[in-house]
């Protein structure tokens, strides 16, 4: 059974940092395209960052230069380091493996 478990969310002031984790079981993150999405209240879920099996990364324009996606194959975990957080980064952050599997999400709230 595949599970993706996100953690690391919380409440932070604008300008602060958080590091999200997505721990996978039942699949190997090293051979999957792994992505972070977020959904703000009343808005559609949007892609934030992704990392391919070969290690190539991509970011939305909204987070480029502030967020970094990485992967630890030994821990079978994907991370999202979020710096210089803004109130508009508030939302539920989800981990996705390939196009098939989703985590349950972790709440990030950035206060102004």
C-alpha atoms as a PDB file:
ATOM      1  CA  UNK A   1       0.000   0.000   0.000  1.00  0.00           C
ATOM      2  CA  UNK A   2       1.340   3.400  -1.007  1.00  0.00           C
ATOM      3  CA  UNK A   3       1.417   6.164   1.580  1.00  0.00           C
ATOM      4  CA  UNK A   4       2.693   9.720   1.401  1.00  0.00           C
ATOM      5  CA  UNK A   5       2.815  11.481   4.758  1.00  0.00           C
ATOM      6  CA  UNK A   6       3.481  15.200   4.852  1.00  0.00           C
ATOM      7  CA  UNK A   7       4.731  17.012   7.924  1.00  0.00           C
ATOM      8  CA  UNK A   8       6.408  20.239   8.918  1.00  0.00           C
ATOM      9  CA  UNK A   9       3.589  22.694   8.384  1.00  0.00           C
ATOM     10  CA  UNK A  10       2.631  25.300  10.921  1.00  0.00           C
ATOM     11  CA  UNK A  11       2.177  28.967  11.663  1.00  0.00           C
ATOM     12  CA  UNK A  12       5.014  31.328  10.810  1.00  0.00           C
ATOM     13  CA  UNK A  13       5.427  35.071  10.443  1.00  0.00           C
ATOM     14  CA  UNK A  14       6.057  36.643   7.075  1.00  0.00           C
ATOM     15  CA  UNK A  15       9.734  36.421   6.201  1.00  0.00           C
ATOM     16  CA  UNK A  16      10.154  33.192   8.121  1.00  0.00           C
ATOM     17  CA  UNK A  17      10.984  29.683   6.978  1.00  0.00           C
ATOM     18  CA  UNK A  18       9.506  26.205   7.136  1.00  0.00           C
ATOM     19  CA  UNK A  19      10.686  22.854   5.852  1.00  0.00           C
ATOM     20  CA  UNK A  20       8.069  20.369   4.733  1.00  0.00           C
ATOM     21  CA  UNK A  21       8.704  16.640   4.529  1.00  0.00           C
ATOM     22  CA  UNK A  22       6.943  13.976   2.496  1.00  0.00           C
ATOM     23  CA  UNK A  23       7.777  10.494   3.736  1.00  0.00           C
ATOM     24  CA  UNK A  24       6.873   7.765   1.254  1.00  0.00           C
ATOM     25  CA  UNK A  25       6.175   4.096   1.751  1.00  0.00           C
ATOM     26  CA  UNK A  26       5.216   1.522  -0.845  1.00  0.00           C
ATOM     27  CA  UNK A  27       7.045   3.403  -3.600  1.00  0.00           C
ATOM     28  CA  UNK A  28      10.584   4.656  -4.164  1.00  0.00           C
ATOM     29  CA  UNK A  29      10.818   8.416  -4.503  1.00  0.00           C
ATOM     30  CA  UNK A  30      14.103   8.016  -6.378  1.00  0.00           C
ATOM     31  CA  UNK A  31      12.354   6.589  -9.435  1.00  0.00           C
ATOM     32  CA  UNK A  32       9.289   8.812  -9.365  1.00  0.00           C
ATOM     33  CA  UNK A  33       8.499  12.335 -10.375  1.00  0.00           C
ATOM     34  CA  UNK A  34       7.661  13.972  -7.042  1.00  0.00           C
ATOM     35  CA  UNK A  35       5.784  17.221  -6.718  1.00  0.00           C
ATOM     36  CA  UNK A  36       4.523  19.655  -4.121  1.00  0.00           C
ATOM     37  CA  UNK A  37       1.161  21.330  -4.652  1.00  0.00           C
ATOM     38  CA  UNK A  38      -0.726  23.814  -2.529  1.00  0.00           C
ATOM     39  CA  UNK A  39      -4.317  24.877  -2.202  1.00  0.00           C
ATOM     40  CA  UNK A  40      -5.345  28.185  -0.697  1.00  0.00           C
ATOM     41  CA  UNK A  41      -8.872  28.690   0.629  1.00  0.00           C
ATOM     42  CA  UNK A  42     -11.296  29.186  -2.232  1.00  0.00           C
ATOM     43  CA  UNK A  43      -8.649  28.541  -4.866  1.00  0.00           C
ATOM     44  CA  UNK A  44      -7.656  25.635  -7.074  1.00  0.00           C
ATOM     45  CA  UNK A  45      -4.801  23.382  -6.189  1.00  0.00           C
ATOM     46  CA  UNK A  46      -1.605  24.558  -7.905  1.00  0.00           C
ATOM     47  CA  UNK A  47       1.787  23.059  -8.606  1.00  0.00           C
ATOM     48  CA  UNK A  48       4.538  24.623  -6.505  1.00  0.00           C
ATOM     49  CA  UNK A  49       7.650  22.554  -7.192  1.00  0.00           C
ATOM     50  CA  UNK A  50       8.707  19.272  -8.720  1.00  0.00           C
ATOM     51  CA  UNK A  51      11.714  16.999  -8.953  1.00  0.00           C
ATOM     52  CA  UNK A  52      12.164  14.308 -11.574  1.00  0.00           C
ATOM     53  CA  UNK A  53      13.766  10.894 -11.124  1.00  0.00           C
ATOM     54  CA  UNK A  54      16.916  12.318 -12.714  1.00  0.00           C
ATOM     55  CA  UNK A  55      16.989  15.188 -10.247  1.00  0.00           C
ATOM     56  CA  UNK A  56      15.784  18.012 -12.446  1.00  0.00           C
ATOM     57  CA  UNK A  57      13.721  20.557 -10.560  1.00  0.00           C
ATOM     58  CA  UNK A  58      11.081  23.074 -11.528  1.00  0.00           C
ATOM     59  CA  UNK A  59       9.220  25.779  -9.642  1.00  0.00           C
ATOM     60  CA  UNK A  60       6.234  27.999 -10.117  1.00  0.00           C
ATOM     61  CA  UNK A  61       7.037  31.640 -10.746  1.00  0.00           C
ATOM     62  CA  UNK A  62       5.427  32.505  -7.416  1.00  0.00           C
ATOM     63  CA  UNK A  63       8.009  30.574  -5.391  1.00  0.00           C
ATOM     64  CA  UNK A  64      11.088  30.560  -7.615  1.00  0.00           C
ATOM     65  CA  UNK A  65      14.118  31.740  -5.694  1.00  0.00           C
ATOM     66  CA  UNK A  66      12.438  31.206  -2.313  1.00  0.00           C
ATOM     67  CA  UNK A  67      11.541  27.494  -2.239  1.00  0.00           C
ATOM     68  CA  UNK A  68      13.797  24.504  -2.799  1.00  0.00           C
ATOM     69  CA  UNK A  69      12.678  20.938  -3.445  1.00  0.00           C
ATOM     70  CA  UNK A  70      15.055  18.105  -2.604  1.00  0.00           C
ATOM     71  CA  UNK A  71      15.064  14.372  -2.109  1.00  0.00           C
ATOM     72  CA  UNK A  72      16.791  11.968   0.279  1.00  0.00           C
ATOM     73  CA  UNK A  73      16.707   8.555  -1.353  1.00  0.00           C
ATOM     74  CA  UNK A  74      18.037   6.798   1.740  1.00  0.00           C
ATOM     75  CA  UNK A  75      15.127   8.137   3.792  1.00  0.00           C
ATOM     76  CA  UNK A  76      12.686   7.815   0.881  1.00  0.00           C
ATOM     77  CA  UNK A  77      11.596  11.371   1.628  1.00  0.00           C
ATOM     78  CA  UNK A  78      11.075  14.532  -0.379  1.00  0.00           C
ATOM     79  CA  UNK A  79      11.450  17.971   1.163  1.00  0.00           C
ATOM     80  CA  UNK A  80      10.317  21.490   0.440  1.00  0.00           C
ATOM     81  CA  UNK A  81      12.425  24.200   2.041  1.00  0.00           C
ATOM     82  CA  UNK A  82      10.415  27.413   2.105  1.00  0.00           C
ATOM     83  CA  UNK A  83      12.178  30.687   2.836  1.00  0.00           C
ATOM     84  CA  UNK A  84      11.053  34.319   2.822  1.00  0.00           C
ATOM     85  CA  UNK A  85       7.488  33.190   3.325  1.00  0.00           C
ATOM     86  CA  UNK A  86       4.644  35.520   2.396  1.00  0.00           C
ATOM     87  CA  UNK A  87       1.009  35.576   3.531  1.00  0.00           C
ATOM     88  CA  UNK A  88       0.019  34.460   0.041  1.00  0.00           C
ATOM     89  CA  UNK A  89       1.940  31.222   0.599  1.00  0.00           C
ATOM     90  CA  UNK A  90      -0.762  30.188   3.073  1.00  0.00           C
ATOM     91  CA  UNK A  91      -2.553  26.990   2.193  1.00  0.00           C
ATOM     92  CA  UNK A  92      -2.593  23.245   2.477  1.00  0.00           C
ATOM     93  CA  UNK A  93       0.526  21.720   0.950  1.00  0.00           C
ATOM     94  CA  UNK A  94       0.267  18.316  -0.676  1.00  0.00           C
ATOM     95  CA  UNK A  95       2.856  15.856  -1.851  1.00  0.00           C
ATOM     96  CA  UNK A  96       2.208  13.954  -5.077  1.00  0.00           C
ATOM     97  CA  UNK A  97       4.040  10.961  -6.512  1.00  0.00           C
ATOM     98  CA  UNK A  98       3.845  10.675 -10.307  1.00  0.00           C
ATOM     99  CA  UNK A  99       0.231  11.344 -11.285  1.00  0.00           C
ATOM    100  CA  UNK A 100      -1.243   8.701  -9.063  1.00  0.00           C
ATOM    101  CA  UNK A 101      -0.629   9.199  -5.377  1.00  0.00           C
ATOM    102  CA  UNK A 102      -1.404  12.081  -3.043  1.00  0.00           C
ATOM    103  CA  UNK A 103      -0.654  12.732   0.591  1.00  0.00           C
ATOM    104  CA  UNK A 104      -3.174  14.070   3.062  1.00  0.00           C
ATOM    105  CA  UNK A 105      -1.673  17.546   3.189  1.00  0.00           C
ATOM    106  CA  UNK A 106      -0.122  19.788   5.805  1.00  0.00           C
ATOM    107  CA  UNK A 107      -1.330  23.280   6.680  1.00  0.00           C
ATOM    108  CA  UNK A 108       0.984  26.260   6.247  1.00  0.00           C
ATOM    109  CA  UNK A 109      -0.169  29.607   7.595  1.00  0.00           C
ATOM    110  CA  UNK A 110       1.895  32.747   7.125  1.00  0.00           C
ATOM    111  CA  UNK A 111       0.859  35.738   9.186  1.00  0.00           C
ATOM    112  CA  UNK A 112       1.552  39.307   8.123  1.00  0.00           C
END
